[in-house]
């Protein structure tokens, strides 16, 4: 256990297990609406009117005696306990985004679920026993449609900005449109020249701009709280929720710094901050807690 310690107390989800799953399954979502639950880090369950997606699911046994025992919070659902997801989106190959534990568990529990990943990560899923027929590879040059979803991957500058002439990248975010609503999940990364414009153009191409943006605020090769407000100012999503904090003791911030920055610079912009296991509905241009 050299170099890390088990915290004396971990943040508990506001809802978890059967209670959370029941809430997710019973929540009604109309056309042009969305319900979404923050599951820690960059992990979300998003319920549209016509399908359910999970973004960057991960899970670990925090009592297994390995380095994951250092985490400050608990994940609210085991992978096999999700409401049956139609699609899993993964943004990049790091374990808390493209998870070698949770993805095979999801694949086994939900045989109809499809997996959308950066093209360079396809082989990883196949190695983990997920059939290639269930995997939809993507890159930064494609706009793709599957079922009621249309989505575009936005290359991300995480560790490095690395995409080739075909748009293939190890790291992406996603602009997703379903049932008339457009959501942006940035994955992990920092701004790069043209990044804000790429997000804005994808939002306009897939819908009427961005409805909801899910933004990292922890810095450390991710957006800082200042850069998150920069994005809100430049891209102008109708609503935004910060993420990627409160789990890794070496890589976290207090969300109050985002709240303070937003209120100082954009005092009229809605300030929404999630708790682990908490759900929101988005209707008529604004978020409300479930």
C-alpha atoms as a PDB file:
ATOM      1  CA  UNK A   1       0.000   0.000   0.000  1.00  0.00           C
ATOM      2  CA  UNK A   2       3.012   2.233  -0.426  1.00  0.00           C
ATOM      3  CA  UNK A   3       2.160   5.612  -1.941  1.00  0.00           C
ATOM      4  CA  UNK A   4      -1.580   5.512  -1.295  1.00  0.00           C
ATOM      5  CA  UNK A   5      -3.895   5.136   1.675  1.00  0.00           C
ATOM      6  CA  UNK A   6      -7.467   4.045   2.205  1.00  0.00           C
ATOM      7  CA  UNK A   7      -9.564   7.093   3.173  1.00  0.00           C
ATOM      8  CA  UNK A   8     -11.195   6.978   6.588  1.00  0.00           C
ATOM      9  CA  UNK A   9     -14.529   7.872   4.976  1.00  0.00           C
ATOM     10  CA  UNK A  10     -15.714   7.844   1.385  1.00  0.00           C
ATOM     11  CA  UNK A  11     -18.330  10.101  -0.162  1.00  0.00           C
ATOM     12  CA  UNK A  12     -21.531   8.112  -0.487  1.00  0.00           C
ATOM     13  CA  UNK A  13     -23.844   8.466  -3.490  1.00  0.00           C
ATOM     14  CA  UNK A  14     -27.094  10.256  -2.762  1.00  0.00           C
ATOM     15  CA  UNK A  15     -28.871   7.283  -4.374  1.00  0.00           C
ATOM     16  CA  UNK A  16     -27.490   3.891  -5.271  1.00  0.00           C
ATOM     17  CA  UNK A  17     -28.240   0.270  -6.180  1.00  0.00           C
ATOM     18  CA  UNK A  18     -31.960  -0.666  -6.328  1.00  0.00           C
ATOM     19  CA  UNK A  19     -33.199   2.820  -5.420  1.00  0.00           C
ATOM     20  CA  UNK A  20     -31.153   4.470  -8.162  1.00  0.00           C
ATOM     21  CA  UNK A  21     -31.955   1.852 -10.785  1.00  0.00           C
ATOM     22  CA  UNK A  22     -35.683   2.177 -10.049  1.00  0.00           C
ATOM     23  CA  UNK A  23     -35.465   5.954 -10.401  1.00  0.00           C
ATOM     24  CA  UNK A  24     -33.694   5.616 -13.741  1.00  0.00           C
ATOM     25  CA  UNK A  25     -36.148   3.042 -15.078  1.00  0.00           C
ATOM     26  CA  UNK A  26     -39.251   4.902 -13.958  1.00  0.00           C
ATOM     27  CA  UNK A  27     -38.195   8.403 -15.031  1.00  0.00           C
ATOM     28  CA  UNK A  28     -40.333   9.509 -17.981  1.00  0.00           C
ATOM     29  CA  UNK A  29     -38.578  11.433 -20.754  1.00  0.00           C
ATOM     30  CA  UNK A  30     -40.420  13.217 -23.558  1.00  0.00           C
ATOM     31  CA  UNK A  31     -39.204  14.111 -27.033  1.00  0.00           C
ATOM     32  CA  UNK A  32     -36.751  16.990 -26.781  1.00  0.00           C
ATOM     33  CA  UNK A  33     -36.026  16.137 -23.142  1.00  0.00           C
ATOM     34  CA  UNK A  34     -33.312  14.161 -21.414  1.00  0.00           C
ATOM     35  CA  UNK A  35     -32.656  12.732 -17.966  1.00  0.00           C
ATOM     36  CA  UNK A  36     -29.076  12.226 -16.836  1.00  0.00           C
ATOM     37  CA  UNK A  37     -27.372  10.894 -13.732  1.00  0.00           C
ATOM     38  CA  UNK A  38     -23.793  11.553 -12.631  1.00  0.00           C
ATOM     39  CA  UNK A  39     -22.128   8.315 -11.577  1.00  0.00           C
ATOM     40  CA  UNK A  40     -18.710   9.819 -10.612  1.00  0.00           C
ATOM     41  CA  UNK A  41     -15.720  11.065 -12.639  1.00  0.00           C
ATOM     42  CA  UNK A  42     -16.824  11.380 -16.287  1.00  0.00           C
ATOM     43  CA  UNK A  43     -19.391   8.580 -15.986  1.00  0.00           C
ATOM     44  CA  UNK A  44     -23.032   9.320 -16.811  1.00  0.00           C
ATOM     45  CA  UNK A  45     -26.225   7.482 -17.604  1.00  0.00           C
ATOM     46  CA  UNK A  46     -28.259   9.492 -20.110  1.00  0.00           C
ATOM     47  CA  UNK A  47     -31.876   8.621 -20.870  1.00  0.00           C
ATOM     48  CA  UNK A  48     -33.409  10.051 -24.019  1.00  0.00           C
ATOM     49  CA  UNK A  49     -36.993   9.451 -25.130  1.00  0.00           C
ATOM     50  CA  UNK A  50     -36.013   6.643 -27.504  1.00  0.00           C
ATOM     51  CA  UNK A  51     -32.839   5.130 -26.014  1.00  0.00           C
ATOM     52  CA  UNK A  52     -30.536   4.951 -23.016  1.00  0.00           C
ATOM     53  CA  UNK A  53     -26.788   5.505 -23.191  1.00  0.00           C
ATOM     54  CA  UNK A  54     -23.998   5.226 -20.652  1.00  0.00           C
ATOM     55  CA  UNK A  55     -20.849   7.315 -21.087  1.00  0.00           C
ATOM     56  CA  UNK A  56     -17.478   6.245 -19.649  1.00  0.00           C
ATOM     57  CA  UNK A  57     -18.760   3.613 -17.198  1.00  0.00           C
ATOM     58  CA  UNK A  58     -16.225   2.213 -14.751  1.00  0.00           C
ATOM     59  CA  UNK A  59     -16.406   0.176 -11.591  1.00  0.00           C
ATOM     60  CA  UNK A  60     -13.969  -1.317  -9.083  1.00  0.00           C
ATOM     61  CA  UNK A  61     -14.171  -3.323  -5.899  1.00  0.00           C
ATOM     62  CA  UNK A  62     -12.822  -0.693  -3.523  1.00  0.00           C
ATOM     63  CA  UNK A  63     -12.075  -3.345  -0.917  1.00  0.00           C
ATOM     64  CA  UNK A  64      -9.910  -5.590  -3.105  1.00  0.00           C
ATOM     65  CA  UNK A  65      -6.705  -4.252  -1.567  1.00  0.00           C
ATOM     66  CA  UNK A  66      -5.298  -2.612  -4.701  1.00  0.00           C
ATOM     67  CA  UNK A  67      -4.648   1.022  -5.602  1.00  0.00           C
ATOM     68  CA  UNK A  68      -8.336   1.659  -6.341  1.00  0.00           C
ATOM     69  CA  UNK A  69      -8.897   1.522  -2.588  1.00  0.00           C
ATOM     70  CA  UNK A  70      -7.572   5.088  -2.346  1.00  0.00           C
ATOM     71  CA  UNK A  71     -10.657   6.525  -4.051  1.00  0.00           C
ATOM     72  CA  UNK A  72     -12.619   9.163  -2.177  1.00  0.00           C
ATOM     73  CA  UNK A  73     -16.102   8.107  -3.297  1.00  0.00           C
ATOM     74  CA  UNK A  74     -18.124   5.035  -4.207  1.00  0.00           C
ATOM     75  CA  UNK A  75     -19.640   4.226  -7.597  1.00  0.00           C
ATOM     76  CA  UNK A  76     -23.431   3.957  -7.188  1.00  0.00           C
ATOM     77  CA  UNK A  77     -24.211   0.997  -9.497  1.00  0.00           C
ATOM     78  CA  UNK A  78     -22.529  -2.266 -10.385  1.00  0.00           C
ATOM     79  CA  UNK A  79     -22.215  -2.577 -14.174  1.00  0.00           C
ATOM     80  CA  UNK A  80     -24.709  -5.438 -14.459  1.00  0.00           C
ATOM     81  CA  UNK A  81     -27.286  -3.405 -12.497  1.00  0.00           C
ATOM     82  CA  UNK A  82     -27.674  -0.589 -15.023  1.00  0.00           C
ATOM     83  CA  UNK A  83     -31.057  -0.172 -16.662  1.00  0.00           C
ATOM     84  CA  UNK A  84     -30.409  -1.954 -19.962  1.00  0.00           C
ATOM     85  CA  UNK A  85     -28.328   0.497 -22.034  1.00  0.00           C
ATOM     86  CA  UNK A  86     -28.705   0.668 -25.796  1.00  0.00           C
ATOM     87  CA  UNK A  87     -25.274   2.230 -26.285  1.00  0.00           C
ATOM     88  CA  UNK A  88     -22.057   2.624 -24.312  1.00  0.00           C
ATOM     89  CA  UNK A  89     -19.852   5.582 -25.297  1.00  0.00           C
ATOM     90  CA  UNK A  90     -16.202   5.530 -24.213  1.00  0.00           C
ATOM     91  CA  UNK A  91     -13.995   8.558 -24.745  1.00  0.00           C
ATOM     92  CA  UNK A  92     -10.469   7.143 -24.340  1.00  0.00           C
ATOM     93  CA  UNK A  93      -8.382   4.243 -23.127  1.00  0.00           C
ATOM     94  CA  UNK A  94      -7.734   5.267 -19.488  1.00  0.00           C
ATOM     95  CA  UNK A  95      -9.214   2.807 -17.002  1.00  0.00           C
ATOM     96  CA  UNK A  96     -11.792   5.209 -15.557  1.00  0.00           C
ATOM     97  CA  UNK A  97     -13.172   5.822 -19.064  1.00  0.00           C
ATOM     98  CA  UNK A  98     -12.543   2.610 -21.046  1.00  0.00           C
ATOM     99  CA  UNK A  99     -12.792   0.178 -18.167  1.00  0.00           C
ATOM    100  CA  UNK A 100     -11.438  -3.386 -18.492  1.00  0.00           C
ATOM    101  CA  UNK A 101     -13.602  -4.483 -15.550  1.00  0.00           C
ATOM    102  CA  UNK A 102     -16.991  -2.915 -16.277  1.00  0.00           C
ATOM    103  CA  UNK A 103     -17.205  -3.190 -20.070  1.00  0.00           C
ATOM    104  CA  UNK A 104     -17.002  -7.007 -20.231  1.00  0.00           C
ATOM    105  CA  UNK A 105     -19.530  -7.187 -17.373  1.00  0.00           C
ATOM    106  CA  UNK A 106     -21.901  -4.913 -19.286  1.00  0.00           C
ATOM    107  CA  UNK A 107     -21.394  -6.868 -22.498  1.00  0.00           C
ATOM    108  CA  UNK A 108     -22.287 -10.130 -20.759  1.00  0.00           C
ATOM    109  CA  UNK A 109     -25.276  -8.739 -18.870  1.00  0.00           C
ATOM    110  CA  UNK A 110     -26.764  -6.868 -21.868  1.00  0.00           C
ATOM    111  CA  UNK A 111     -26.171  -8.799 -25.111  1.00  0.00           C
ATOM    112  CA  UNK A 112     -27.961  -6.201 -27.262  1.00  0.00           C
ATOM    113  CA  UNK A 113     -25.857  -3.251 -26.091  1.00  0.00           C
ATOM    114  CA  UNK A 114     -23.539  -1.624 -28.677  1.00  0.00           C
ATOM    115  CA  UNK A 115     -20.197  -0.013 -27.812  1.00  0.00           C
ATOM    116  CA  UNK A 116     -19.048   3.252 -29.425  1.00  0.00           C
ATOM    117  CA  UNK A 117     -15.313   3.876 -28.997  1.00  0.00           C
ATOM    118  CA  UNK A 118     -12.420   5.662 -30.696  1.00  0.00           C
ATOM    119  CA  UNK A 119     -11.280   3.487 -33.604  1.00  0.00           C
ATOM    120  CA  UNK A 120      -7.834   3.023 -32.062  1.00  0.00           C
ATOM    121  CA  UNK A 121      -9.427   1.321 -29.047  1.00  0.00           C
ATOM    122  CA  UNK A 122     -11.459  -1.275 -30.940  1.00  0.00           C
ATOM    123  CA  UNK A 123      -8.822  -3.982 -30.463  1.00  0.00           C
ATOM    124  CA  UNK A 124      -8.882  -3.515 -26.680  1.00  0.00           C
ATOM    125  CA  UNK A 125     -12.571  -4.392 -26.485  1.00  0.00           C
ATOM    126  CA  UNK A 126     -12.070  -7.417 -28.718  1.00  0.00           C
ATOM    127  CA  UNK A 127      -9.250  -8.573 -26.410  1.00  0.00           C
ATOM    128  CA  UNK A 128     -11.691  -8.296 -23.498  1.00  0.00           C
ATOM    129  CA  UNK A 129     -14.090 -10.670 -25.244  1.00  0.00           C
ATOM    130  CA  UNK A 130     -16.543  -8.177 -26.756  1.00  0.00           C
ATOM    131  CA  UNK A 131     -17.539  -9.162 -30.289  1.00  0.00           C
ATOM    132  CA  UNK A 132     -16.403  -6.781 -33.031  1.00  0.00           C
ATOM    133  CA  UNK A 133     -19.960  -6.866 -34.409  1.00  0.00           C
ATOM    134  CA  UNK A 134     -21.094  -5.023 -31.280  1.00  0.00           C
ATOM    135  CA  UNK A 135     -18.465  -2.270 -31.549  1.00  0.00           C
ATOM    136  CA  UNK A 136     -18.960   0.957 -33.506  1.00  0.00           C
ATOM    137  CA  UNK A 137     -15.585   2.659 -34.055  1.00  0.00           C
ATOM    138  CA  UNK A 138     -15.489   6.384 -34.618  1.00  0.00           C
ATOM    139  CA  UNK A 139     -13.062   9.234 -35.201  1.00  0.00           C
ATOM    140  CA  UNK A 140     -12.904  12.997 -35.428  1.00  0.00           C
ATOM    141  CA  UNK A 141     -13.861  13.208 -39.115  1.00  0.00           C
ATOM    142  CA  UNK A 142     -17.102  11.248 -38.989  1.00  0.00           C
ATOM    143  CA  UNK A 143     -20.679  12.131 -38.246  1.00  0.00           C
ATOM    144  CA  UNK A 144     -22.461   8.831 -37.665  1.00  0.00           C
ATOM    145  CA  UNK A 145     -26.005   7.676 -37.063  1.00  0.00           C
ATOM    146  CA  UNK A 146     -27.196   4.521 -35.336  1.00  0.00           C
ATOM    147  CA  UNK A 147     -30.829   4.031 -34.406  1.00  0.00           C
ATOM    148  CA  UNK A 148     -32.220   7.356 -33.216  1.00  0.00           C
ATOM    149  CA  UNK A 149     -28.751   8.684 -32.358  1.00  0.00           C
ATOM    150  CA  UNK A 150     -26.551  10.941 -34.443  1.00  0.00           C
ATOM    151  CA  UNK A 151     -23.135  11.700 -33.017  1.00  0.00           C
ATOM    152  CA  UNK A 152     -19.790  13.216 -33.839  1.00  0.00           C
ATOM    153  CA  UNK A 153     -16.488  12.602 -32.064  1.00  0.00           C
ATOM    154  CA  UNK A 154     -14.427  15.693 -31.261  1.00  0.00           C
ATOM    155  CA  UNK A 155     -10.664  15.023 -30.888  1.00  0.00           C
ATOM    156  CA  UNK A 156      -9.426  15.723 -27.371  1.00  0.00           C
ATOM    157  CA  UNK A 157      -6.035  17.053 -26.253  1.00  0.00           C
ATOM    158  CA  UNK A 158      -5.437  14.676 -23.340  1.00  0.00           C
ATOM    159  CA  UNK A 159      -1.823  13.691 -22.720  1.00  0.00           C
ATOM    160  CA  UNK A 160      -1.385  15.016 -26.266  1.00  0.00           C
ATOM    161  CA  UNK A 161      -3.475  16.107 -29.242  1.00  0.00           C
ATOM    162  CA  UNK A 162      -2.985  13.047 -31.380  1.00  0.00           C
ATOM    163  CA  UNK A 163      -5.055  12.409 -34.472  1.00  0.00           C
ATOM    164  CA  UNK A 164      -3.927  11.368 -37.938  1.00  0.00           C
ATOM    165  CA  UNK A 165      -5.031  12.368 -41.427  1.00  0.00           C
ATOM    166  CA  UNK A 166      -8.034  10.042 -41.116  1.00  0.00           C
ATOM    167  CA  UNK A 167      -9.111  11.696 -37.876  1.00  0.00           C
ATOM    168  CA  UNK A 168      -8.258   8.666 -35.748  1.00  0.00           C
ATOM    169  CA  UNK A 169      -7.403   9.656 -32.178  1.00  0.00           C
ATOM    170  CA  UNK A 170      -6.796   7.974 -28.847  1.00  0.00           C
ATOM    171  CA  UNK A 171      -8.875  10.657 -27.110  1.00  0.00           C
ATOM    172  CA  UNK A 172     -12.254  12.125 -28.051  1.00  0.00           C
ATOM    173  CA  UNK A 173     -15.350  13.818 -26.702  1.00  0.00           C
ATOM    174  CA  UNK A 174     -18.815  13.371 -28.204  1.00  0.00           C
ATOM    175  CA  UNK A 175     -21.573  15.623 -29.450  1.00  0.00           C
ATOM    176  CA  UNK A 176     -24.688  13.439 -29.360  1.00  0.00           C
ATOM    177  CA  UNK A 177     -28.113  14.264 -30.749  1.00  0.00           C
ATOM    178  CA  UNK A 178     -31.204  12.187 -30.025  1.00  0.00           C
ATOM    179  CA  UNK A 179     -34.897  13.050 -30.253  1.00  0.00           C
ATOM    180  CA  UNK A 180     -34.162  16.707 -30.924  1.00  0.00           C
ATOM    181  CA  UNK A 181     -31.745  17.223 -28.022  1.00  0.00           C
ATOM    182  CA  UNK A 182     -27.973  17.747 -28.288  1.00  0.00           C
ATOM    183  CA  UNK A 183     -25.520  16.862 -25.524  1.00  0.00           C
ATOM    184  CA  UNK A 184     -21.746  17.325 -25.382  1.00  0.00           C
ATOM    185  CA  UNK A 185     -19.540  15.116 -23.220  1.00  0.00           C
ATOM    186  CA  UNK A 186     -15.972  16.360 -23.467  1.00  0.00           C
ATOM    187  CA  UNK A 187     -14.158  13.240 -22.237  1.00  0.00           C
ATOM    188  CA  UNK A 188     -10.818  14.360 -20.830  1.00  0.00           C
ATOM    189  CA  UNK A 189      -8.692  17.098 -22.347  1.00  0.00           C
ATOM    190  CA  UNK A 190      -7.642  20.686 -22.634  1.00  0.00           C
ATOM    191  CA  UNK A 191      -8.368  23.374 -25.239  1.00  0.00           C
ATOM    192  CA  UNK A 192      -6.566  23.190 -28.559  1.00  0.00           C
ATOM    193  CA  UNK A 193      -6.624  25.682 -31.457  1.00  0.00           C
ATOM    194  CA  UNK A 194     -10.029  25.342 -33.098  1.00  0.00           C
ATOM    195  CA  UNK A 195     -11.515  23.198 -30.335  1.00  0.00           C
ATOM    196  CA  UNK A 196     -14.309  25.575 -29.344  1.00  0.00           C
ATOM    197  CA  UNK A 197     -15.188  26.101 -33.001  1.00  0.00           C
ATOM    198  CA  UNK A 198     -15.286  22.346 -33.652  1.00  0.00           C
ATOM    199  CA  UNK A 199     -17.689  21.838 -30.739  1.00  0.00           C
ATOM    200  CA  UNK A 200     -19.866  24.761 -31.792  1.00  0.00           C
ATOM    201  CA  UNK A 201     -20.066  23.608 -35.428  1.00  0.00           C
ATOM    202  CA  UNK A 202     -20.951  20.049 -34.387  1.00  0.00           C
ATOM    203  CA  UNK A 203     -23.706  21.347 -32.127  1.00  0.00           C
ATOM    204  CA  UNK A 204     -25.131  23.450 -34.948  1.00  0.00           C
ATOM    205  CA  UNK A 205     -24.864  20.603 -37.479  1.00  0.00           C
ATOM    206  CA  UNK A 206     -26.536  18.029 -35.253  1.00  0.00           C
ATOM    207  CA  UNK A 207     -29.103  20.297 -33.612  1.00  0.00           C
ATOM    208  CA  UNK A 208     -29.892  23.844 -32.591  1.00  0.00           C
ATOM    209  CA  UNK A 209     -26.601  24.303 -30.752  1.00  0.00           C
ATOM    210  CA  UNK A 210     -25.708  22.491 -27.535  1.00  0.00           C
ATOM    211  CA  UNK A 211     -28.417  21.891 -24.978  1.00  0.00           C
ATOM    212  CA  UNK A 212     -26.259  20.346 -22.236  1.00  0.00           C
ATOM    213  CA  UNK A 213     -22.459  20.310 -21.839  1.00  0.00           C
ATOM    214  CA  UNK A 214     -20.666  17.994 -19.390  1.00  0.00           C
ATOM    215  CA  UNK A 215     -17.318  19.595 -18.545  1.00  0.00           C
ATOM    216  CA  UNK A 216     -14.260  18.550 -16.543  1.00  0.00           C
ATOM    217  CA  UNK A 217     -13.037  21.099 -14.002  1.00  0.00           C
ATOM    218  CA  UNK A 218     -10.151  19.361 -12.219  1.00  0.00           C
ATOM    219  CA  UNK A 219      -7.286  20.722 -14.353  1.00  0.00           C
ATOM    220  CA  UNK A 220      -4.147  18.531 -14.433  1.00  0.00           C
ATOM    221  CA  UNK A 221      -4.305  17.736 -18.173  1.00  0.00           C
ATOM    222  CA  UNK A 222      -8.026  18.481 -18.107  1.00  0.00           C
ATOM    223  CA  UNK A 223     -10.095  21.630 -18.276  1.00  0.00           C
ATOM    224  CA  UNK A 224      -9.715  23.784 -15.216  1.00  0.00           C
ATOM    225  CA  UNK A 225     -12.741  25.509 -13.713  1.00  0.00           C
ATOM    226  CA  UNK A 226     -11.608  28.713 -15.485  1.00  0.00           C
ATOM    227  CA  UNK A 227     -11.384  26.957 -18.856  1.00  0.00           C
ATOM    228  CA  UNK A 228     -14.778  25.343 -18.301  1.00  0.00           C
ATOM    229  CA  UNK A 229     -16.322  28.794 -17.918  1.00  0.00           C
ATOM    230  CA  UNK A 230     -14.357  29.902 -21.006  1.00  0.00           C
ATOM    231  CA  UNK A 231     -16.108  27.145 -22.972  1.00  0.00           C
ATOM    232  CA  UNK A 232     -19.519  28.136 -21.640  1.00  0.00           C
ATOM    233  CA  UNK A 233     -18.802  31.735 -22.629  1.00  0.00           C
ATOM    234  CA  UNK A 234     -17.610  30.865 -26.147  1.00  0.00           C
ATOM    235  CA  UNK A 235     -19.827  27.909 -27.128  1.00  0.00           C
ATOM    236  CA  UNK A 236     -22.924  28.925 -25.122  1.00  0.00           C
ATOM    237  CA  UNK A 237     -24.565  25.619 -24.217  1.00  0.00           C
ATOM    238  CA  UNK A 238     -27.976  26.182 -22.691  1.00  0.00           C
ATOM    239  CA  UNK A 239     -26.893  24.281 -19.563  1.00  0.00           C
ATOM    240  CA  UNK A 240     -23.672  22.819 -18.195  1.00  0.00           C
ATOM    241  CA  UNK A 241     -22.660  20.472 -15.377  1.00  0.00           C
ATOM    242  CA  UNK A 242     -19.091  20.079 -14.065  1.00  0.00           C
ATOM    243  CA  UNK A 243     -17.527  16.640 -13.596  1.00  0.00           C
ATOM    244  CA  UNK A 244     -14.286  14.722 -12.994  1.00  0.00           C
ATOM    245  CA  UNK A 245     -13.580  15.536  -9.374  1.00  0.00           C
ATOM    246  CA  UNK A 246     -14.182  14.002  -5.966  1.00  0.00           C
ATOM    247  CA  UNK A 247     -12.643  10.559  -6.607  1.00  0.00           C
ATOM    248  CA  UNK A 248      -8.854  10.553  -6.966  1.00  0.00           C
ATOM    249  CA  UNK A 249      -7.174  12.207  -3.954  1.00  0.00           C
ATOM    250  CA  UNK A 250      -4.259  13.250  -6.187  1.00  0.00           C
ATOM    251  CA  UNK A 251      -6.474  14.725  -8.903  1.00  0.00           C
ATOM    252  CA  UNK A 252      -9.491  16.573  -7.574  1.00  0.00           C
ATOM    253  CA  UNK A 253     -10.839  20.027  -6.752  1.00  0.00           C
ATOM    254  CA  UNK A 254     -13.771  21.427  -4.817  1.00  0.00           C
ATOM    255  CA  UNK A 255     -16.619  22.325  -7.214  1.00  0.00           C
ATOM    256  CA  UNK A 256     -17.126  25.604  -5.362  1.00  0.00           C
ATOM    257  CA  UNK A 257     -14.252  27.100  -7.374  1.00  0.00           C
ATOM    258  CA  UNK A 258     -16.323  26.491 -10.531  1.00  0.00           C
ATOM    259  CA  UNK A 259     -19.406  27.978  -8.884  1.00  0.00           C
ATOM    260  CA  UNK A 260     -17.480  31.093  -7.863  1.00  0.00           C
ATOM    261  CA  UNK A 261     -15.907  31.531 -11.307  1.00  0.00           C
ATOM    262  CA  UNK A 262     -19.226  31.124 -13.092  1.00  0.00           C
ATOM    263  CA  UNK A 263     -21.088  33.529 -10.797  1.00  0.00           C
ATOM    264  CA  UNK A 264     -18.382  36.159 -11.136  1.00  0.00           C
ATOM    265  CA  UNK A 265     -18.070  36.027 -14.921  1.00  0.00           C
ATOM    266  CA  UNK A 266     -21.549  34.901 -16.048  1.00  0.00           C
ATOM    267  CA  UNK A 267     -23.903  35.769 -13.194  1.00  0.00           C
ATOM    268  CA  UNK A 268     -27.045  35.151 -15.271  1.00  0.00           C
ATOM    269  CA  UNK A 269     -25.978  31.677 -16.423  1.00  0.00           C
ATOM    270  CA  UNK A 270     -27.601  28.765 -14.546  1.00  0.00           C
ATOM    271  CA  UNK A 271     -25.268  27.119 -12.048  1.00  0.00           C
ATOM    272  CA  UNK A 272     -25.898  23.367 -11.771  1.00  0.00           C
ATOM    273  CA  UNK A 273     -23.599  21.077  -9.776  1.00  0.00           C
ATOM    274  CA  UNK A 274     -24.284  17.358  -9.378  1.00  0.00           C
ATOM    275  CA  UNK A 275     -23.723  14.943  -6.504  1.00  0.00           C
ATOM    276  CA  UNK A 276     -22.736  11.329  -7.068  1.00  0.00           C
ATOM    277  CA  UNK A 277     -25.816   9.306  -7.932  1.00  0.00           C
ATOM    278  CA  UNK A 278     -27.936  12.420  -8.504  1.00  0.00           C
ATOM    279  CA  UNK A 279     -30.181  12.844 -11.517  1.00  0.00           C
ATOM    280  CA  UNK A 280     -31.314  15.871 -13.523  1.00  0.00           C
ATOM    281  CA  UNK A 281     -33.961  16.430 -16.127  1.00  0.00           C
ATOM    282  CA  UNK A 282     -33.490  18.905 -18.934  1.00  0.00           C
ATOM    283  CA  UNK A 283     -36.673  20.476 -20.256  1.00  0.00           C
ATOM    284  CA  UNK A 284     -37.403  23.739 -22.010  1.00  0.00           C
ATOM    285  CA  UNK A 285     -33.823  24.948 -21.843  1.00  0.00           C
ATOM    286  CA  UNK A 286     -33.066  24.326 -18.174  1.00  0.00           C
ATOM    287  CA  UNK A 287     -32.010  21.610 -15.732  1.00  0.00           C
ATOM    288  CA  UNK A 288     -33.840  20.542 -12.589  1.00  0.00           C
ATOM    289  CA  UNK A 289     -32.891  17.956  -9.970  1.00  0.00           C
ATOM    290  CA  UNK A 290     -34.933  14.770 -10.002  1.00  0.00           C
END
